[in-house]
Amino acid sequence: MKHYIDITLLADDEIPIYFVRNKVYSKLHKALFTLKAAEIAVSFPKYKVLLGDVIRIHGTKEKLSELQNTNWLGGLAGYCQVFPIQIVPDDVSYRVISRIQSNMTEAKLRRLIKRGSISETEIKQYKAKMFGMGLDNPYLELQSTSNGHKHRRYIQFGELRTEASKGGFDYFGLSRVATVPWF
């Protein structure tokens, strides 16, 4: 991960930043899937409580060039300022950026009820526990291209590290083990 591209998201009075971020991230996911790019990662360098207005894409110069040559942003390019490929600075920290999911969901509850493996009392306990375990993490709201349903992809930021960890990334640019440069 020696190179990166910064994309600053531009919003206006009519289109909020979160809407642009969700659309850009969806397009990036589709491009990573098409390229089968398991060596491209994503970070959100302006993250505090929210994800911020910058999406940083990490990878090799060759892979980032390949991504840029696909014109993956399409019509969203007008809502973004895309910077050229840059070299990662020398003195950086590293961080794992991954997806986090609740293991207690409505869909799981429906399956338990349909199977008959949960009693009325347990259903109430499950619901109480499920709603008490809400995730506070920042998220992206994405729309499935296969069924049209919206879902939230909650993002977890690991502790800062001094050493990089190698590994692959999913087609959302996230990994449970591999780090990205954090600066």
N, C-alpha and C. Protein backbone atom coordinates (compact mmCIF):
# COMPACT_ATOMS: atom_id res chain seq x y z
N MET A 1 0.84 -1.19 0.00
CA MET A 1 0.00 0.00 0.00
C MET A 1 0.88 1.25 0.00
N LYS A 2 1.55 1.43 -1.07
CA LYS A 2 2.48 2.57 -1.16
C LYS A 2 1.86 3.79 -1.84
N HIS A 3 0.68 3.63 -2.42
CA HIS A 3 0.05 4.73 -3.13
C HIS A 3 -1.41 4.89 -2.70
N TYR A 4 -1.96 6.05 -3.00
CA TYR A 4 -3.36 6.31 -2.65
C TYR A 4 -3.94 7.38 -3.55
N ILE A 5 -5.25 7.43 -3.57
CA ILE A 5 -6.02 8.47 -4.26
C ILE A 5 -7.00 9.04 -3.24
N ASP A 6 -7.04 10.35 -3.12
CA ASP A 6 -8.04 10.99 -2.28
C ASP A 6 -9.20 11.47 -3.15
N ILE A 7 -10.39 11.23 -2.67
CA ILE A 7 -11.60 11.73 -3.33
C ILE A 7 -12.34 12.58 -2.31
N THR A 8 -12.40 13.87 -2.58
CA THR A 8 -13.17 14.78 -1.72
C THR A 8 -14.57 14.87 -2.28
N LEU A 9 -15.54 14.59 -1.42
CA LEU A 9 -16.94 14.60 -1.83
C LEU A 9 -17.48 16.02 -1.73
N LEU A 10 -18.19 16.43 -2.76
CA LEU A 10 -18.74 17.78 -2.81
C LEU A 10 -20.25 17.72 -2.63
N ALA A 11 -20.75 18.48 -1.71
CA ALA A 11 -22.19 18.52 -1.47
C ALA A 11 -22.69 19.93 -1.71
N ASP A 12 -23.98 20.08 -1.82
CA ASP A 12 -24.57 21.41 -1.94
C ASP A 12 -25.86 21.42 -1.11
N ASP A 13 -26.64 22.46 -1.27
CA ASP A 13 -27.86 22.60 -0.48
C ASP A 13 -28.89 21.51 -0.77
N GLU A 14 -28.85 20.96 -1.99
CA GLU A 14 -29.86 19.98 -2.38
C GLU A 14 -29.42 18.53 -2.14
N ILE A 15 -28.12 18.28 -2.21
CA ILE A 15 -27.62 16.92 -2.07
C ILE A 15 -26.64 16.85 -0.90
N PRO A 16 -27.03 16.18 0.19
CA PRO A 16 -26.16 16.11 1.37
C PRO A 16 -24.95 15.19 1.15
N ILE A 17 -23.93 15.41 1.95
CA ILE A 17 -22.67 14.69 1.80
C ILE A 17 -22.85 13.18 1.99
N TYR A 18 -23.69 12.76 2.94
CA TYR A 18 -23.86 11.33 3.17
C TYR A 18 -24.43 10.63 1.94
N PHE A 19 -25.31 11.32 1.20
CA PHE A 19 -25.91 10.75 0.00
C PHE A 19 -24.84 10.53 -1.07
N VAL A 20 -23.99 11.53 -1.27
CA VAL A 20 -22.90 11.42 -2.25
C VAL A 20 -21.94 10.31 -1.82
N ARG A 21 -21.59 10.26 -0.54
CA ARG A 21 -20.66 9.23 -0.04
C ARG A 21 -21.21 7.83 -0.29
N ASN A 22 -22.49 7.62 0.01
CA ASN A 22 -23.10 6.31 -0.21
C ASN A 22 -23.06 5.91 -1.68
N LYS A 23 -23.36 6.84 -2.57
CA LYS A 23 -23.37 6.55 -4.01
C LYS A 23 -21.96 6.28 -4.53
N VAL A 24 -21.00 7.09 -4.11
CA VAL A 24 -19.61 6.89 -4.55
C VAL A 24 -19.09 5.55 -4.05
N TYR A 25 -19.37 5.22 -2.80
CA TYR A 25 -18.90 3.96 -2.24
C TYR A 25 -19.53 2.78 -2.97
N SER A 26 -20.81 2.88 -3.32
CA SER A 26 -21.47 1.82 -4.08
C SER A 26 -20.80 1.62 -5.43
N LYS A 27 -20.48 2.72 -6.09
CA LYS A 27 -19.80 2.64 -7.39
C LYS A 27 -18.41 2.02 -7.24
N LEU A 28 -17.71 2.40 -6.17
CA LEU A 28 -16.39 1.84 -5.91
C LEU A 28 -16.48 0.33 -5.69
N HIS A 29 -17.46 -0.09 -4.91
CA HIS A 29 -17.66 -1.53 -4.68
C HIS A 29 -17.87 -2.27 -6.00
N LYS A 30 -18.69 -1.73 -6.87
CA LYS A 30 -18.94 -2.38 -8.16
C LYS A 30 -17.67 -2.46 -8.99
N ALA A 31 -16.87 -1.39 -8.96
CA ALA A 31 -15.62 -1.38 -9.71
C ALA A 31 -14.63 -2.39 -9.15
N LEU A 32 -14.53 -2.47 -7.82
CA LEU A 32 -13.61 -3.44 -7.20
C LEU A 32 -14.04 -4.88 -7.52
N PHE A 33 -15.34 -5.11 -7.53
CA PHE A 33 -15.85 -6.44 -7.88
C PHE A 33 -15.52 -6.77 -9.33
N THR A 34 -15.76 -5.83 -10.22
CA THR A 34 -15.49 -6.05 -11.63
C THR A 34 -14.01 -6.34 -11.88
N LEU A 35 -13.14 -5.58 -11.20
CA LEU A 35 -11.70 -5.76 -11.36
C LEU A 35 -11.16 -6.94 -10.55
N LYS A 36 -11.99 -7.53 -9.70
CA LYS A 36 -11.55 -8.58 -8.77
C LYS A 36 -10.31 -8.10 -8.00
N ALA A 37 -10.42 -6.87 -7.48
CA ALA A 37 -9.29 -6.18 -6.86
C ALA A 37 -9.28 -6.39 -5.35
N ALA A 38 -8.68 -7.48 -4.91
CA ALA A 38 -8.57 -7.78 -3.49
C ALA A 38 -7.37 -7.08 -2.84
N GLU A 39 -6.66 -6.28 -3.62
CA GLU A 39 -5.52 -5.56 -3.07
C GLU A 39 -5.73 -4.05 -3.05
N ILE A 40 -6.98 -3.63 -3.18
CA ILE A 40 -7.33 -2.21 -3.06
C ILE A 40 -8.13 -2.04 -1.78
N ALA A 41 -7.74 -1.03 -1.00
CA ALA A 41 -8.38 -0.79 0.29
C ALA A 41 -8.97 0.61 0.35
N VAL A 42 -9.84 0.82 1.33
CA VAL A 42 -10.52 2.10 1.51
C VAL A 42 -10.30 2.58 2.94
N SER A 43 -10.13 3.89 3.09
CA SER A 43 -10.14 4.48 4.43
C SER A 43 -10.89 5.80 4.37
N PHE A 44 -11.17 6.32 5.52
CA PHE A 44 -11.91 7.57 5.67
C PHE A 44 -11.09 8.48 6.58
N PRO A 45 -10.13 9.20 6.00
CA PRO A 45 -9.16 9.95 6.83
C PRO A 45 -9.75 11.09 7.65
N LYS A 46 -10.95 11.54 7.34
CA LYS A 46 -11.56 12.62 8.11
C LYS A 46 -12.50 12.08 9.20
N TYR A 47 -12.43 10.77 9.43
CA TYR A 47 -13.30 10.14 10.42
C TYR A 47 -13.05 10.73 11.81
N LYS A 48 -14.12 11.13 12.43
CA LYS A 48 -14.14 11.49 13.86
C LYS A 48 -15.29 10.69 14.46
N VAL A 49 -16.50 11.23 14.39
CA VAL A 49 -17.70 10.48 14.78
C VAL A 49 -18.38 9.98 13.51
N LEU A 50 -18.34 10.82 12.47
CA LEU A 50 -18.89 10.47 11.16
C LEU A 50 -17.73 10.13 10.22
N LEU A 51 -18.05 9.58 9.07
CA LEU A 51 -17.01 9.15 8.14
C LEU A 51 -16.30 10.31 7.44
N GLY A 52 -16.92 11.47 7.36
CA GLY A 52 -16.26 12.62 6.76
C GLY A 52 -16.49 12.73 5.26
N ASP A 53 -15.84 13.71 4.66
CA ASP A 53 -16.07 14.02 3.24
C ASP A 53 -14.93 13.57 2.33
N VAL A 54 -14.04 12.72 2.82
CA VAL A 54 -12.94 12.21 1.99
C VAL A 54 -12.94 10.69 2.03
N ILE A 55 -12.89 10.09 0.85
CA ILE A 55 -12.68 8.65 0.72
C ILE A 55 -11.28 8.49 0.16
N ARG A 56 -10.45 7.72 0.86
CA ARG A 56 -9.07 7.48 0.41
C ARG A 56 -8.99 6.03 -0.06
N ILE A 57 -8.48 5.86 -1.27
CA ILE A 57 -8.35 4.53 -1.87
C ILE A 57 -6.87 4.19 -1.91
N HIS A 58 -6.50 3.05 -1.32
CA HIS A 58 -5.11 2.62 -1.20
C HIS A 58 -4.83 1.44 -2.12
N GLY A 59 -3.60 1.38 -2.62
CA GLY A 59 -3.19 0.23 -3.42
C GLY A 59 -1.85 0.48 -4.08
N THR A 60 -1.52 -0.38 -5.01
CA THR A 60 -0.31 -0.16 -5.80
C THR A 60 -0.63 0.86 -6.89
N LYS A 61 0.40 1.48 -7.40
CA LYS A 61 0.20 2.48 -8.46
C LYS A 61 -0.49 1.85 -9.67
N GLU A 62 -0.11 0.62 -9.99
CA GLU A 62 -0.68 -0.07 -11.15
C GLU A 62 -2.17 -0.35 -10.95
N LYS A 63 -2.53 -0.86 -9.78
CA LYS A 63 -3.95 -1.19 -9.53
C LYS A 63 -4.81 0.08 -9.46
N LEU A 64 -4.27 1.13 -8.85
CA LEU A 64 -5.03 2.38 -8.78
C LEU A 64 -5.20 2.98 -10.18
N SER A 65 -4.18 2.87 -11.02
CA SER A 65 -4.29 3.35 -12.41
C SER A 65 -5.33 2.54 -13.16
N GLU A 66 -5.33 1.23 -12.95
CA GLU A 66 -6.32 0.37 -13.58
C GLU A 66 -7.74 0.77 -13.16
N LEU A 67 -7.91 1.05 -11.87
CA LEU A 67 -9.21 1.50 -11.37
C LEU A 67 -9.61 2.81 -12.04
N GLN A 68 -8.71 3.77 -12.06
CA GLN A 68 -9.02 5.08 -12.64
C GLN A 68 -9.33 4.99 -14.13
N ASN A 69 -8.71 4.04 -14.83
CA ASN A 69 -8.95 3.89 -16.27
C ASN A 69 -10.33 3.32 -16.59
N THR A 70 -11.03 2.82 -15.58
CA THR A 70 -12.38 2.27 -15.83
C THR A 70 -13.46 3.35 -15.81
N ASN A 71 -13.11 4.58 -15.44
CA ASN A 71 -14.10 5.66 -15.33
C ASN A 71 -15.24 5.23 -14.41
N TRP A 72 -14.89 4.62 -13.28
CA TRP A 72 -15.86 4.01 -12.38
C TRP A 72 -16.82 5.00 -11.74
N LEU A 73 -16.44 6.27 -11.62
CA LEU A 73 -17.34 7.25 -11.00
C LEU A 73 -18.49 7.65 -11.92
N GLY A 74 -18.29 7.56 -13.21
CA GLY A 74 -19.34 7.93 -14.15
C GLY A 74 -19.89 9.32 -13.89
N GLY A 75 -21.21 9.44 -13.79
CA GLY A 75 -21.88 10.73 -13.58
C GLY A 75 -21.64 11.35 -12.22
N LEU A 76 -21.11 10.58 -11.28
CA LEU A 76 -20.83 11.12 -9.95
C LEU A 76 -19.55 11.96 -9.92
N ALA A 77 -18.78 11.94 -10.99
CA ALA A 77 -17.53 12.69 -11.03
C ALA A 77 -17.76 14.18 -10.77
N GLY A 78 -18.92 14.68 -11.11
CA GLY A 78 -19.24 16.09 -10.87
C GLY A 78 -19.45 16.41 -9.39
N TYR A 79 -19.62 15.39 -8.57
CA TYR A 79 -19.81 15.58 -7.14
C TYR A 79 -18.56 15.23 -6.33
N CYS A 80 -17.45 15.07 -7.05
CA CYS A 80 -16.20 14.66 -6.40
C CYS A 80 -15.03 15.46 -6.96
N GLN A 81 -14.06 15.67 -6.11
CA GLN A 81 -12.77 16.18 -6.56
C GLN A 81 -11.79 15.03 -6.39
N VAL A 82 -11.36 14.47 -7.52
CA VAL A 82 -10.48 13.31 -7.50
C VAL A 82 -9.05 13.81 -7.69
N PHE A 83 -8.20 13.49 -6.73
CA PHE A 83 -6.81 13.91 -6.79
C PHE A 83 -5.98 12.84 -7.50
N PRO A 84 -4.85 13.21 -8.06
CA PRO A 84 -4.01 12.21 -8.73
C PRO A 84 -3.44 11.20 -7.73
N ILE A 85 -2.91 10.12 -8.25
CA ILE A 85 -2.28 9.10 -7.42
C ILE A 85 -1.07 9.71 -6.72
N GLN A 86 -1.01 9.50 -5.41
CA GLN A 86 0.07 10.05 -4.58
C GLN A 86 0.82 8.91 -3.90
N ILE A 87 2.04 9.22 -3.44
CA ILE A 87 2.82 8.26 -2.67
C ILE A 87 2.50 8.47 -1.19
N VAL A 88 2.30 7.38 -0.45
CA VAL A 88 2.03 7.45 0.98
C VAL A 88 3.25 8.05 1.68
N PRO A 89 3.05 9.01 2.59
CA PRO A 89 4.19 9.58 3.32
C PRO A 89 4.94 8.50 4.10
N ASP A 90 6.18 8.80 4.49
CA ASP A 90 7.02 7.83 5.19
C ASP A 90 6.56 7.55 6.61
N ASP A 91 6.27 8.58 7.36
CA ASP A 91 5.99 8.41 8.78
C ASP A 91 4.48 8.37 9.03
N VAL A 92 3.89 7.18 8.93
CA VAL A 92 2.44 7.02 9.11
C VAL A 92 2.16 5.94 10.14
N SER A 93 0.95 5.96 10.65
CA SER A 93 0.45 4.87 11.48
C SER A 93 -0.32 3.93 10.58
N TYR A 94 -0.78 2.84 11.14
CA TYR A 94 -1.57 1.87 10.38
C TYR A 94 -2.81 1.50 11.19
N ARG A 95 -3.84 1.11 10.46
CA ARG A 95 -5.10 0.81 11.13
C ARG A 95 -5.88 -0.21 10.31
N VAL A 96 -6.54 -1.12 11.00
CA VAL A 96 -7.47 -2.04 10.35
C VAL A 96 -8.81 -1.32 10.26
N ILE A 97 -9.39 -1.33 9.08
CA ILE A 97 -10.74 -0.78 8.89
C ILE A 97 -11.59 -1.92 8.35
N SER A 98 -12.61 -2.28 9.12
CA SER A 98 -13.39 -3.46 8.79
C SER A 98 -14.89 -3.20 8.95
N ARG A 99 -15.64 -4.19 8.55
CA ARG A 99 -17.09 -4.15 8.75
C ARG A 99 -17.40 -4.78 10.10
N ILE A 100 -18.38 -4.23 10.77
CA ILE A 100 -18.87 -4.84 12.01
C ILE A 100 -20.36 -5.07 11.85
N GLN A 101 -20.81 -6.22 12.32
CA GLN A 101 -22.22 -6.57 12.22
C GLN A 101 -22.74 -7.02 13.58
N SER A 102 -23.98 -6.73 13.82
CA SER A 102 -24.64 -7.25 15.01
C SER A 102 -25.03 -8.69 14.71
N ASN A 103 -24.84 -9.56 15.68
CA ASN A 103 -25.23 -10.95 15.45
C ASN A 103 -26.69 -11.19 15.83
N MET A 104 -27.39 -10.14 16.24
CA MET A 104 -28.80 -10.24 16.57
C MET A 104 -29.58 -9.35 15.61
N THR A 105 -30.30 -9.98 14.68
CA THR A 105 -31.03 -9.22 13.67
C THR A 105 -32.48 -9.68 13.58
N GLU A 106 -33.28 -8.85 12.94
CA GLU A 106 -34.69 -9.20 12.70
C GLU A 106 -34.79 -10.45 11.84
N ALA A 107 -33.93 -10.55 10.83
CA ALA A 107 -33.96 -11.72 9.94
C ALA A 107 -33.67 -13.00 10.71
N LYS A 108 -32.69 -12.95 11.61
CA LYS A 108 -32.36 -14.12 12.42
C LYS A 108 -33.53 -14.48 13.33
N LEU A 109 -34.16 -13.47 13.92
CA LEU A 109 -35.33 -13.71 14.77
C LEU A 109 -36.45 -14.37 13.98
N ARG A 110 -36.71 -13.88 12.76
CA ARG A 110 -37.76 -14.48 11.93
C ARG A 110 -37.44 -15.95 11.64
N ARG A 111 -36.18 -16.27 11.37
CA ARG A 111 -35.81 -17.66 11.11
C ARG A 111 -36.02 -18.53 12.35
N LEU A 112 -35.66 -17.99 13.52
CA LEU A 112 -35.85 -18.75 14.77
C LEU A 112 -37.33 -19.02 15.02
N ILE A 113 -38.17 -18.02 14.77
CA ILE A 113 -39.62 -18.17 14.97
C ILE A 113 -40.17 -19.19 13.98
N LYS A 114 -39.78 -19.08 12.70
CA LYS A 114 -40.27 -19.99 11.68
C LYS A 114 -39.88 -21.43 11.98
N ARG A 115 -38.68 -21.62 12.50
CA ARG A 115 -38.17 -22.93 12.87
C ARG A 115 -38.85 -23.49 14.12
N GLY A 116 -39.45 -22.58 14.91
CA GLY A 116 -40.08 -22.99 16.16
C GLY A 116 -39.10 -23.26 17.27
N SER A 117 -37.91 -22.68 17.17
CA SER A 117 -36.87 -22.96 18.16
C SER A 117 -36.74 -21.85 19.20
N ILE A 118 -37.78 -21.00 19.30
CA ILE A 118 -37.74 -19.92 20.29
C ILE A 118 -39.16 -19.73 20.85
N SER A 119 -39.26 -19.59 22.15
CA SER A 119 -40.57 -19.43 22.80
C SER A 119 -40.99 -17.96 22.80
N GLU A 120 -42.25 -17.70 23.18
CA GLU A 120 -42.75 -16.32 23.26
C GLU A 120 -41.90 -15.48 24.22
N THR A 121 -41.57 -16.04 25.36
CA THR A 121 -40.76 -15.32 26.35
C THR A 121 -39.37 -15.02 25.78
N GLU A 122 -38.79 -16.01 25.10
CA GLU A 122 -37.46 -15.82 24.50
C GLU A 122 -37.49 -14.79 23.38
N ILE A 123 -38.61 -14.70 22.66
CA ILE A 123 -38.75 -13.70 21.60
C ILE A 123 -38.67 -12.31 22.21
N LYS A 124 -39.37 -12.09 23.31
CA LYS A 124 -39.34 -10.78 23.98
C LYS A 124 -37.94 -10.48 24.49
N GLN A 125 -37.28 -11.46 25.06
CA GLN A 125 -35.92 -11.26 25.56
C GLN A 125 -34.96 -10.95 24.41
N TYR A 126 -35.12 -11.67 23.31
CA TYR A 126 -34.29 -11.47 22.13
C TYR A 126 -34.44 -10.03 21.62
N LYS A 127 -35.70 -9.59 21.48
CA LYS A 127 -35.96 -8.24 20.98
C LYS A 127 -35.38 -7.18 21.90
N ALA A 128 -35.54 -7.36 23.21
CA ALA A 128 -35.01 -6.39 24.16
C ALA A 128 -33.49 -6.32 24.05
N LYS A 129 -32.87 -7.47 23.96
CA LYS A 129 -31.40 -7.51 23.86
C LYS A 129 -30.95 -6.93 22.52
N MET A 130 -31.67 -7.25 21.43
CA MET A 130 -31.32 -6.77 20.10
C MET A 130 -31.36 -5.24 20.04
N PHE A 131 -32.40 -4.65 20.59
CA PHE A 131 -32.52 -3.20 20.52
C PHE A 131 -31.57 -2.50 21.49
N GLY A 132 -31.17 -3.20 22.53
CA GLY A 132 -30.20 -2.65 23.47
C GLY A 132 -28.79 -2.71 22.95
N MET A 133 -28.55 -3.54 21.92
CA MET A 133 -27.21 -3.71 21.37
C MET A 133 -26.98 -2.90 20.10
N GLY A 134 -27.72 -1.87 19.88
CA GLY A 134 -27.58 -1.09 18.66
C GLY A 134 -26.14 -0.65 18.43
N LEU A 135 -25.72 -0.63 17.19
CA LEU A 135 -24.36 -0.24 16.86
C LEU A 135 -24.26 1.28 16.77
N ASP A 136 -23.22 1.84 17.37
CA ASP A 136 -22.98 3.28 17.32
C ASP A 136 -22.01 3.65 16.21
N ASN A 137 -21.46 2.67 15.55
CA ASN A 137 -20.43 2.92 14.54
C ASN A 137 -20.97 3.72 13.37
N PRO A 138 -20.08 4.45 12.69
CA PRO A 138 -20.51 5.13 11.46
C PRO A 138 -20.86 4.06 10.41
N TYR A 139 -21.69 4.43 9.47
CA TYR A 139 -22.11 3.45 8.48
C TYR A 139 -22.33 4.09 7.12
N LEU A 140 -22.37 3.23 6.13
CA LEU A 140 -22.75 3.60 4.77
C LEU A 140 -24.07 2.90 4.49
N GLU A 141 -25.00 3.59 3.88
CA GLU A 141 -26.26 2.96 3.52
C GLU A 141 -26.21 2.63 2.04
N LEU A 142 -26.22 1.34 1.74
CA LEU A 142 -26.05 0.86 0.38
C LEU A 142 -27.32 0.18 -0.10
N GLN A 143 -27.49 0.14 -1.41
CA GLN A 143 -28.66 -0.51 -1.99
C GLN A 143 -28.19 -1.71 -2.79
N SER A 144 -28.77 -2.84 -2.51
CA SER A 144 -28.40 -4.07 -3.21
C SER A 144 -28.86 -3.99 -4.66
N THR A 145 -27.97 -4.35 -5.57
CA THR A 145 -28.36 -4.35 -6.99
C THR A 145 -29.15 -5.61 -7.33
N SER A 146 -29.03 -6.66 -6.49
CA SER A 146 -29.75 -7.89 -6.80
C SER A 146 -31.21 -7.85 -6.37
N ASN A 147 -31.49 -7.28 -5.18
CA ASN A 147 -32.89 -7.27 -4.73
C ASN A 147 -33.44 -5.87 -4.43
N GLY A 148 -32.60 -4.85 -4.54
CA GLY A 148 -33.06 -3.48 -4.33
C GLY A 148 -33.20 -3.05 -2.88
N HIS A 149 -32.95 -3.97 -1.94
CA HIS A 149 -33.07 -3.63 -0.52
C HIS A 149 -31.90 -2.77 -0.06
N LYS A 150 -32.20 -1.85 0.85
CA LYS A 150 -31.15 -1.04 1.45
C LYS A 150 -30.62 -1.74 2.69
N HIS A 151 -29.32 -1.60 2.89
CA HIS A 151 -28.72 -2.14 4.10
C HIS A 151 -27.59 -1.23 4.55
N ARG A 152 -27.31 -1.29 5.83
CA ARG A 152 -26.24 -0.47 6.38
C ARG A 152 -24.98 -1.31 6.55
N ARG A 153 -23.87 -0.75 6.14
CA ARG A 153 -22.57 -1.39 6.33
C ARG A 153 -21.85 -0.56 7.39
N TYR A 154 -21.85 -1.10 8.61
CA TYR A 154 -21.21 -0.41 9.73
C TYR A 154 -19.70 -0.60 9.64
N ILE A 155 -18.97 0.48 9.90
CA ILE A 155 -17.52 0.49 9.77
C ILE A 155 -16.88 0.55 11.15
N GLN A 156 -15.87 -0.29 11.34
CA GLN A 156 -15.14 -0.31 12.60
C GLN A 156 -13.69 0.10 12.33
N PHE A 157 -13.18 0.99 13.15
CA PHE A 157 -11.80 1.47 13.04
C PHE A 157 -10.99 0.86 14.17
N GLY A 158 -9.99 0.05 13.81
CA GLY A 158 -9.13 -0.57 14.82
C GLY A 158 -8.18 0.44 15.44
N GLU A 159 -7.48 0.00 16.45
CA GLU A 159 -6.49 0.84 17.13
C GLU A 159 -5.35 1.18 16.17
N LEU A 160 -4.74 2.34 16.38
CA LEU A 160 -3.59 2.73 15.57
C LEU A 160 -2.41 1.82 15.91
N ARG A 161 -1.63 1.48 14.89
CA ARG A 161 -0.47 0.61 15.04
C ARG A 161 0.75 1.27 14.41
N THR A 162 1.90 0.79 14.80
CA THR A 162 3.14 1.31 14.20
C THR A 162 3.61 0.45 13.04
N GLU A 163 3.13 -0.80 12.97
CA GLU A 163 3.53 -1.73 11.92
C GLU A 163 2.32 -2.12 11.07
N ALA A 164 2.58 -2.33 9.77
CA ALA A 164 1.54 -2.76 8.85
C ALA A 164 1.31 -4.26 8.98
N SER A 165 0.09 -4.69 8.73
CA SER A 165 -0.26 -6.12 8.67
C SER A 165 -0.74 -6.40 7.26
N LYS A 166 -0.23 -7.46 6.67
CA LYS A 166 -0.63 -7.82 5.30
C LYS A 166 -1.88 -8.69 5.32
N GLY A 167 -2.55 -8.71 4.18
CA GLY A 167 -3.75 -9.52 4.03
C GLY A 167 -4.58 -9.01 2.87
N GLY A 168 -5.63 -9.70 2.56
CA GLY A 168 -6.49 -9.30 1.46
C GLY A 168 -7.64 -8.43 1.93
N PHE A 169 -8.27 -7.79 0.97
CA PHE A 169 -9.42 -6.91 1.22
C PHE A 169 -10.61 -7.45 0.45
N ASP A 170 -11.80 -7.22 1.00
CA ASP A 170 -13.00 -7.62 0.28
C ASP A 170 -13.29 -6.59 -0.81
N TYR A 171 -14.35 -6.81 -1.56
CA TYR A 171 -14.66 -5.90 -2.66
C TYR A 171 -15.34 -4.62 -2.19
N PHE A 172 -15.33 -4.41 -0.88
CA PHE A 172 -15.74 -3.13 -0.31
C PHE A 172 -14.51 -2.37 0.18
N GLY A 173 -13.31 -2.96 -0.04
CA GLY A 173 -12.06 -2.32 0.37
C GLY A 173 -11.79 -2.44 1.85
N LEU A 174 -12.41 -3.40 2.53
CA LEU A 174 -12.27 -3.57 3.98
C LEU A 174 -11.62 -4.91 4.29
N SER A 175 -11.01 -5.00 5.48
CA SER A 175 -10.38 -6.24 5.90
C SER A 175 -10.40 -6.35 7.42
N ARG A 176 -10.48 -7.56 7.91
CA ARG A 176 -10.43 -7.80 9.36
C ARG A 176 -9.00 -7.89 9.88
N VAL A 177 -8.03 -8.10 8.98
CA VAL A 177 -6.65 -8.31 9.41
C VAL A 177 -5.65 -7.34 8.78
N ALA A 178 -5.84 -7.00 7.54
CA ALA A 178 -4.88 -6.14 6.83
C ALA A 178 -5.07 -4.66 7.25
N THR A 179 -3.98 -3.96 7.33
CA THR A 179 -4.02 -2.54 7.72
C THR A 179 -3.90 -1.64 6.49
N VAL A 180 -4.30 -0.41 6.68
CA VAL A 180 -4.08 0.64 5.69
C VAL A 180 -3.26 1.74 6.36
N PRO A 181 -2.48 2.47 5.57
CA PRO A 181 -1.75 3.60 6.14
C PRO A 181 -2.75 4.64 6.65
N TRP A 182 -2.51 5.18 7.81
CA TRP A 182 -3.43 6.15 8.41
C TRP A 182 -2.67 7.46 8.65
N PHE A 183 -3.09 8.48 7.91
CA PHE A 183 -2.44 9.80 8.03
C PHE A 183 -3.42 10.88 7.67
